[in-house]
């Protein structure tokens, strides 16, 4: 899977990976269908940042990621 290529399948994969790395209790709050390809680069950047941190995010970083996802989210 080439994550550098924006497509819906990759977007869903990125969102699901971000959710699993954040170890959220209620992952249903973040629905991959509520994100758009227009924001793919920003979501990919979040994904890479989380991967670089090797799942060692501080609470402030987790809150920052969640805020950014909230900003990018576009409810159906």
PDB file of N, CA and C in Angstrom:
ATOM      1  N   UNK A   1       0.856  -1.179   0.000  1.00  0.00           N
ATOM      2  CA  UNK A   1       0.000   0.000   0.000  1.00  0.00           C
ATOM      3  C   UNK A   1       0.901   1.240   0.000  1.00  0.00           C
ATOM      4  N   UNK A   2       0.736   2.069  -0.995  1.00  0.00           N
ATOM      5  CA  UNK A   2       1.508   3.303  -1.096  1.00  0.00           C
ATOM      6  C   UNK A   2       0.702   4.438  -0.477  1.00  0.00           C
ATOM      7  N   UNK A   3       1.053   4.814   0.740  1.00  0.00           N
ATOM      8  CA  UNK A   3       0.296   5.845   1.452  1.00  0.00           C
ATOM      9  C   UNK A   3       0.519   7.241   0.887  1.00  0.00           C
ATOM     10  N   UNK A   4       1.487   7.396   0.008  1.00  0.00           N
ATOM     11  CA  UNK A   4       1.735   8.708  -0.592  1.00  0.00           C
ATOM     12  C   UNK A   4       0.697   9.029  -1.669  1.00  0.00           C
ATOM     13  N   UNK A   5      -0.077   8.028  -2.079  1.00  0.00           N
ATOM     14  CA  UNK A   5      -1.106   8.218  -3.095  1.00  0.00           C
ATOM     15  C   UNK A   5      -2.455   8.460  -2.423  1.00  0.00           C
ATOM     16  N   UNK A   6      -2.992   9.680  -2.537  1.00  0.00           N
ATOM     17  CA  UNK A   6      -4.293   9.962  -1.916  1.00  0.00           C
ATOM     18  C   UNK A   6      -5.426   9.191  -2.591  1.00  0.00           C
ATOM     19  N   UNK A   7      -6.101   8.382  -1.815  1.00  0.00           N
ATOM     20  CA  UNK A   7      -7.309   7.702  -2.276  1.00  0.00           C
ATOM     21  C   UNK A   7      -8.135   7.369  -1.039  1.00  0.00           C
ATOM     22  N   UNK A   8      -9.390   7.064  -1.233  1.00  0.00           N
ATOM     23  CA  UNK A   8     -10.288   6.810  -0.101  1.00  0.00           C
ATOM     24  C   UNK A   8      -9.812   5.625   0.735  1.00  0.00           C
ATOM     25  N   UNK A   9      -9.338   4.584   0.081  1.00  0.00           N
ATOM     26  CA  UNK A   9      -8.848   3.400   0.804  1.00  0.00           C
ATOM     27  C   UNK A   9      -7.683   3.765   1.726  1.00  0.00           C
ATOM     28  N   UNK A  10      -6.740   4.560   1.219  1.00  0.00           N
ATOM     29  CA  UNK A  10      -5.601   4.982   2.037  1.00  0.00           C
ATOM     30  C   UNK A  10      -6.041   5.894   3.171  1.00  0.00           C
ATOM     31  N   UNK A  11      -7.000   6.761   2.898  1.00  0.00           N
ATOM     32  CA  UNK A  11      -7.504   7.671   3.927  1.00  0.00           C
ATOM     33  C   UNK A  11      -8.126   6.880   5.081  1.00  0.00           C
ATOM     34  N   UNK A  12      -8.934   5.890   4.755  1.00  0.00           N
ATOM     35  CA  UNK A  12      -9.550   5.044   5.785  1.00  0.00           C
ATOM     36  C   UNK A  12      -8.460   4.321   6.578  1.00  0.00           C
ATOM     37  N   UNK A  13      -7.458   3.807   5.879  1.00  0.00           N
ATOM     38  CA  UNK A  13      -6.348   3.118   6.548  1.00  0.00           C
ATOM     39  C   UNK A  13      -5.627   4.060   7.515  1.00  0.00           C
ATOM     40  N   UNK A  14      -5.318   5.275   7.067  1.00  0.00           N
ATOM     41  CA  UNK A  14      -4.621   6.243   7.921  1.00  0.00           C
ATOM     42  C   UNK A  14      -5.426   6.559   9.175  1.00  0.00           C
ATOM     43  N   UNK A  15      -6.700   6.844   9.011  1.00  0.00           N
ATOM     44  CA  UNK A  15      -7.548   7.183  10.160  1.00  0.00           C
ATOM     45  C   UNK A  15      -7.615   6.005  11.130  1.00  0.00           C
ATOM     46  N   UNK A  16      -7.788   4.802  10.617  1.00  0.00           N
ATOM     47  CA  UNK A  16      -7.850   3.627  11.490  1.00  0.00           C
ATOM     48  C   UNK A  16      -6.522   3.387  12.206  1.00  0.00           C
ATOM     49  N   UNK A  17      -5.416   3.610  11.533  1.00  0.00           N
ATOM     50  CA  UNK A  17      -4.105   3.463  12.166  1.00  0.00           C
ATOM     51  C   UNK A  17      -3.903   4.519  13.251  1.00  0.00           C
ATOM     52  N   UNK A  18      -4.296   5.743  12.963  1.00  0.00           N
ATOM     53  CA  UNK A  18      -4.183   6.813  13.961  1.00  0.00           C
ATOM     54  C   UNK A  18      -5.006   6.444  15.189  1.00  0.00           C
ATOM     55  N   UNK A  19      -6.225   5.975  14.978  1.00  0.00           N
ATOM     56  CA  UNK A  19      -7.086   5.582  16.102  1.00  0.00           C
ATOM     57  C   UNK A  19      -6.422   4.491  16.939  1.00  0.00           C
ATOM     58  N   UNK A  20      -5.842   3.502  16.292  1.00  0.00           N
ATOM     59  CA  UNK A  20      -5.236   2.404  17.051  1.00  0.00           C
ATOM     60  C   UNK A  20      -3.992   2.865  17.804  1.00  0.00           C
ATOM     61  N   UNK A  21      -3.217   3.770  17.233  1.00  0.00           N
ATOM     62  CA  UNK A  21      -2.013   4.267  17.908  1.00  0.00           C
ATOM     63  C   UNK A  21      -2.347   5.174  19.084  1.00  0.00           C
ATOM     64  N   UNK A  22      -3.485   5.848  19.023  1.00  0.00           N
ATOM     65  CA  UNK A  22      -3.882   6.727  20.127  1.00  0.00           C
ATOM     66  C   UNK A  22      -4.487   5.937  21.284  1.00  0.00           C
ATOM     67  N   UNK A  23      -4.803   4.673  21.031  1.00  0.00           N
ATOM     68  CA  UNK A  23      -5.374   3.795  22.066  1.00  0.00           C
ATOM     69  C   UNK A  23      -6.606   4.413  22.715  1.00  0.00           C
ATOM     70  N   UNK A  24      -7.515   4.862  21.877  1.00  0.00           N
ATOM     71  CA  UNK A  24      -8.740   5.490  22.362  1.00  0.00           C
ATOM     72  C   UNK A  24      -9.715   4.449  22.901  1.00  0.00           C
ATOM     73  N   UNK A  25     -10.474   4.841  23.894  1.00  0.00           N
ATOM     74  CA  UNK A  25     -11.482   3.956  24.467  1.00  0.00           C
ATOM     75  C   UNK A  25     -12.671   3.844  23.520  1.00  0.00           C
ATOM     76  N   UNK A  26     -13.166   4.972  23.037  1.00  0.00           N
ATOM     77  CA  UNK A  26     -14.330   4.974  22.154  1.00  0.00           C
ATOM     78  C   UNK A  26     -13.899   5.380  20.745  1.00  0.00           C
ATOM     79  N   UNK A  27     -13.418   4.413  19.990  1.00  0.00           N
ATOM     80  CA  UNK A  27     -12.921   4.705  18.641  1.00  0.00           C
ATOM     81  C   UNK A  27     -14.041   5.032  17.665  1.00  0.00           C
ATOM     82  N   UNK A  28     -15.277   4.726  18.029  1.00  0.00           N
ATOM     83  CA  UNK A  28     -16.411   5.008  17.143  1.00  0.00           C
ATOM     84  C   UNK A  28     -16.614   6.505  16.942  1.00  0.00           C
ATOM     85  N   UNK A  29     -16.040   7.310  17.826  1.00  0.00           N
ATOM     86  CA  UNK A  29     -16.173   8.762  17.693  1.00  0.00           C
ATOM     87  C   UNK A  29     -15.433   9.304  16.474  1.00  0.00           C
ATOM     88  N   UNK A  30     -14.448   8.553  15.996  1.00  0.00           N
ATOM     89  CA  UNK A  30     -13.678   8.984  14.829  1.00  0.00           C
ATOM     90  C   UNK A  30     -14.030   8.054  13.672  1.00  0.00           C
ATOM     91  N   UNK A  31     -14.884   8.531  12.795  1.00  0.00           N
ATOM     92  CA  UNK A  31     -15.365   7.755  11.657  1.00  0.00           C
ATOM     93  C   UNK A  31     -14.577   8.159  10.411  1.00  0.00           C
ATOM     94  N   UNK A  32     -13.842   7.229   9.803  1.00  0.00           N
ATOM     95  CA  UNK A  32     -13.056   7.564   8.611  1.00  0.00           C
ATOM     96  C   UNK A  32     -13.882   8.195   7.488  1.00  0.00           C
ATOM     97  N   UNK A  33     -15.177   7.894   7.444  1.00  0.00           N
ATOM     98  CA  UNK A  33     -16.033   8.439   6.391  1.00  0.00           C
ATOM     99  C   UNK A  33     -16.284   9.934   6.562  1.00  0.00           C
ATOM    100  N   UNK A  34     -15.922  10.487   7.707  1.00  0.00           N
ATOM    101  CA  UNK A  34     -16.144  11.914   7.965  1.00  0.00           C
ATOM    102  C   UNK A  34     -14.925  12.770   7.612  1.00  0.00           C
ATOM    103  N   UNK A  35     -13.950  12.164   6.929  1.00  0.00           N
ATOM    104  CA  UNK A  35     -12.760  12.892   6.495  1.00  0.00           C
ATOM    105  C   UNK A  35     -12.715  12.873   4.974  1.00  0.00           C
ATOM    106  N   UNK A  36     -12.142  13.905   4.404  1.00  0.00           N
ATOM    107  CA  UNK A  36     -12.156  14.061   2.950  1.00  0.00           C
ATOM    108  C   UNK A  36     -10.746  14.028   2.372  1.00  0.00           C
ATOM    109  N   UNK A  37     -10.668  13.603   1.134  1.00  0.00           N
ATOM    110  CA  UNK A  37      -9.376  13.525   0.450  1.00  0.00           C
ATOM    111  C   UNK A  37      -8.686  14.881   0.354  1.00  0.00           C
ATOM    112  N   UNK A  38      -9.449  15.967   0.413  1.00  0.00           N
ATOM    113  CA  UNK A  38      -8.851  17.304   0.363  1.00  0.00           C
ATOM    114  C   UNK A  38      -7.850  17.501   1.499  1.00  0.00           C
ATOM    115  N   UNK A  39      -8.050  16.800   2.615  1.00  0.00           N
ATOM    116  CA  UNK A  39      -7.199  16.946   3.798  1.00  0.00           C
ATOM    117  C   UNK A  39      -6.206  15.797   3.940  1.00  0.00           C
ATOM    118  N   UNK A  40      -6.020  15.032   2.886  1.00  0.00           N
ATOM    119  CA  UNK A  40      -5.179  13.833   2.946  1.00  0.00           C
ATOM    120  C   UNK A  40      -3.765  14.145   3.425  1.00  0.00           C
ATOM    121  N   UNK A  41      -3.158  15.187   2.898  1.00  0.00           N
ATOM    122  CA  UNK A  41      -1.771  15.510   3.262  1.00  0.00           C
ATOM    123  C   UNK A  41      -1.634  15.806   4.751  1.00  0.00           C
ATOM    124  N   UNK A  42      -2.599  16.524   5.319  1.00  0.00           N
ATOM    125  CA  UNK A  42      -2.548  16.837   6.748  1.00  0.00           C
ATOM    126  C   UNK A  42      -2.728  15.579   7.591  1.00  0.00           C
ATOM    127  N   UNK A  43      -3.613  14.703   7.175  1.00  0.00           N
ATOM    128  CA  UNK A  43      -3.837  13.453   7.900  1.00  0.00           C
ATOM    129  C   UNK A  43      -2.607  12.554   7.781  1.00  0.00           C
ATOM    130  N   UNK A  44      -1.998  12.526   6.612  1.00  0.00           N
ATOM    131  CA  UNK A  44      -0.769  11.754   6.417  1.00  0.00           C
ATOM    132  C   UNK A  44       0.347  12.292   7.310  1.00  0.00           C
ATOM    133  N   UNK A  45       0.447  13.601   7.447  1.00  0.00           N
ATOM    134  CA  UNK A  45       1.464  14.204   8.319  1.00  0.00           C
ATOM    135  C   UNK A  45       1.232  13.805   9.778  1.00  0.00           C
ATOM    136  N   UNK A  46      -0.023  13.804  10.220  1.00  0.00           N
ATOM    137  CA  UNK A  46      -0.337  13.349  11.583  1.00  0.00           C
ATOM    138  C   UNK A  46       0.082  11.890  11.766  1.00  0.00           C
ATOM    139  N   UNK A  47      -0.227  11.075  10.793  1.00  0.00           N
ATOM    140  CA  UNK A  47       0.122   9.654  10.841  1.00  0.00           C
ATOM    141  C   UNK A  47       1.636   9.475  10.969  1.00  0.00           C
ATOM    142  N   UNK A  48       2.397  10.189  10.146  1.00  0.00           N
ATOM    143  CA  UNK A  48       3.861  10.077  10.195  1.00  0.00           C
ATOM    144  C   UNK A  48       4.407  10.558  11.536  1.00  0.00           C
ATOM    145  N   UNK A  49       3.850  11.622  12.081  1.00  0.00           N
ATOM    146  CA  UNK A  49       4.303  12.135  13.374  1.00  0.00           C
ATOM    147  C   UNK A  49       4.076  11.092  14.466  1.00  0.00           C
ATOM    148  N   UNK A  50       2.904  10.470  14.453  1.00  0.00           N
ATOM    149  CA  UNK A  50       2.590   9.449  15.455  1.00  0.00           C
ATOM    150  C   UNK A  50       3.526   8.252  15.306  1.00  0.00           C
ATOM    151  N   UNK A  51       3.796   7.850  14.085  1.00  0.00           N
ATOM    152  CA  UNK A  51       4.704   6.716  13.844  1.00  0.00           C
ATOM    153  C   UNK A  51       6.127   7.031  14.305  1.00  0.00           C
ATOM    154  N   UNK A  52       6.579   8.267  14.074  1.00  0.00           N
ATOM    155  CA  UNK A  52       7.924   8.662  14.517  1.00  0.00           C
ATOM    156  C   UNK A  52       8.058   8.591  16.034  1.00  0.00           C
ATOM    157  N   UNK A  53       6.973   8.870  16.727  1.00  0.00           N
ATOM    158  CA  UNK A  53       6.997   8.864  18.191  1.00  0.00           C
ATOM    159  C   UNK A  53       6.905   7.445  18.763  1.00  0.00           C
ATOM    160  N   UNK A  54       6.752   6.452  17.914  1.00  0.00           N
ATOM    161  CA  UNK A  54       6.668   5.053  18.345  1.00  0.00           C
ATOM    162  C   UNK A  54       5.639   4.835  19.448  1.00  0.00           C
ATOM    163  N   UNK A  55       4.470   5.414  19.286  1.00  0.00           N
ATOM    164  CA  UNK A  55       3.371   5.259  20.248  1.00  0.00           C
ATOM    165  C   UNK A  55       3.689   5.836  21.625  1.00  0.00           C
ATOM    166  N   UNK A  56       4.672   6.700  21.713  1.00  0.00           N
ATOM    167  CA  UNK A  56       5.020   7.322  22.990  1.00  0.00           C
ATOM    168  C   UNK A  56       4.594   8.784  22.984  1.00  0.00           C
ATOM    169  N   UNK A  57       3.317   8.987  22.823  1.00  0.00           N
ATOM    170  CA  UNK A  57       2.773  10.340  22.790  1.00  0.00           C
ATOM    171  C   UNK A  57       2.408  10.783  24.199  1.00  0.00           C
ATOM    172  N   UNK A  58       2.677  12.039  24.496  1.00  0.00           N
ATOM    173  CA  UNK A  58       2.241  12.596  25.770  1.00  0.00           C
ATOM    174  C   UNK A  58       0.747  12.879  25.684  1.00  0.00           C
ATOM    175  N   UNK A  59       0.149  13.117  26.831  1.00  0.00           N
ATOM    176  CA  UNK A  59      -1.282  13.455  26.845  1.00  0.00           C
ATOM    177  C   UNK A  59      -1.536  14.733  26.044  1.00  0.00           C
ATOM    178  N   UNK A  60      -0.623  15.687  26.131  1.00  0.00           N
ATOM    179  CA  UNK A  60      -0.785  16.940  25.369  1.00  0.00           C
ATOM    180  C   UNK A  60      -0.724  16.663  23.871  1.00  0.00           C
ATOM    181  N   UNK A  61       0.170  15.772  23.451  1.00  0.00           N
ATOM    182  CA  UNK A  61       0.268  15.432  22.032  1.00  0.00           C
ATOM    183  C   UNK A  61      -0.993  14.705  21.561  1.00  0.00           C
ATOM    184  N   UNK A  62      -1.505  13.800  22.382  1.00  0.00           N
ATOM    185  CA  UNK A  62      -2.742  13.093  22.031  1.00  0.00           C
ATOM    186  C   UNK A  62      -3.886  14.089  21.893  1.00  0.00           C
ATOM    187  N   UNK A  63      -3.976  15.017  22.842  1.00  0.00           N
ATOM    188  CA  UNK A  63      -5.018  16.047  22.765  1.00  0.00           C
ATOM    189  C   UNK A  63      -4.858  16.886  21.506  1.00  0.00           C
ATOM    190  N   UNK A  64      -3.616  17.215  21.153  1.00  0.00           N
ATOM    191  CA  UNK A  64      -3.358  17.991  19.947  1.00  0.00           C
ATOM    192  C   UNK A  64      -3.792  17.252  18.693  1.00  0.00           C
ATOM    193  N   UNK A  65      -3.490  15.963  18.625  1.00  0.00           N
ATOM    194  CA  UNK A  65      -3.891  15.147  17.471  1.00  0.00           C
ATOM    195  C   UNK A  65      -5.415  15.088  17.385  1.00  0.00           C
ATOM    196  N   UNK A  66      -6.063  14.882  18.531  1.00  0.00           N
ATOM    197  CA  UNK A  66      -7.531  14.816  18.536  1.00  0.00           C
ATOM    198  C   UNK A  66      -8.158  16.147  18.131  1.00  0.00           C
ATOM    199  N   UNK A  67      -7.562  17.247  18.576  1.00  0.00           N
ATOM    200  CA  UNK A  67      -8.064  18.568  18.167  1.00  0.00           C
ATOM    201  C   UNK A  67      -7.921  18.752  16.664  1.00  0.00           C
ATOM    202  N   UNK A  68      -6.779  18.342  16.137  1.00  0.00           N
ATOM    203  CA  UNK A  68      -6.548  18.479  14.695  1.00  0.00           C
ATOM    204  C   UNK A  68      -7.520  17.605  13.906  1.00  0.00           C
ATOM    205  N   UNK A  69      -7.737  16.386  14.362  1.00  0.00           N
ATOM    206  CA  UNK A  69      -8.715  15.521  13.695  1.00  0.00           C
ATOM    207  C   UNK A  69     -10.108  16.133  13.770  1.00  0.00           C
ATOM    208  N   UNK A  70     -10.430  16.736  14.900  1.00  0.00           N
ATOM    209  CA  UNK A  70     -11.726  17.398  15.039  1.00  0.00           C
ATOM    210  C   UNK A  70     -11.882  18.551  14.067  1.00  0.00           C
ATOM    211  N   UNK A  71     -10.780  19.269  13.836  1.00  0.00           N
ATOM    212  CA  UNK A  71     -10.805  20.391  12.901  1.00  0.00           C
ATOM    213  C   UNK A  71     -10.992  19.894  11.461  1.00  0.00           C
ATOM    214  N   UNK A  72     -10.381  18.755  11.147  1.00  0.00           N
ATOM    215  CA  UNK A  72     -10.440  18.214   9.787  1.00  0.00           C
ATOM    216  C   UNK A  72     -11.729  17.438   9.515  1.00  0.00           C
ATOM    217  N   UNK A  73     -12.406  17.052  10.556  1.00  0.00           N
ATOM    218  CA  UNK A  73     -13.615  16.235  10.426  1.00  0.00           C
ATOM    219  C   UNK A  73     -14.748  17.050   9.810  1.00  0.00           C
ATOM    220  N   UNK A  74     -15.430  16.424   8.874  1.00  0.00           N
ATOM    221  CA  UNK A  74     -16.586  17.049   8.224  1.00  0.00           C
ATOM    222  C   UNK A  74     -17.744  16.078   8.294  1.00  0.00           C
ATOM    223  N   UNK A  75     -18.612  16.255   9.280  1.00  0.00           N
ATOM    224  CA  UNK A  75     -19.737  15.317   9.431  1.00  0.00           C
ATOM    225  C   UNK A  75     -20.553  15.193   8.150  1.00  0.00           C
ATOM    226  N   UNK A  76     -21.065  14.006   7.948  1.00  0.00           N
ATOM    227  CA  UNK A  76     -21.865  13.717   6.744  1.00  0.00           C
ATOM    228  C   UNK A  76     -23.124  14.515   6.707  1.00  0.00           C
TER     229      UNK A  76
END
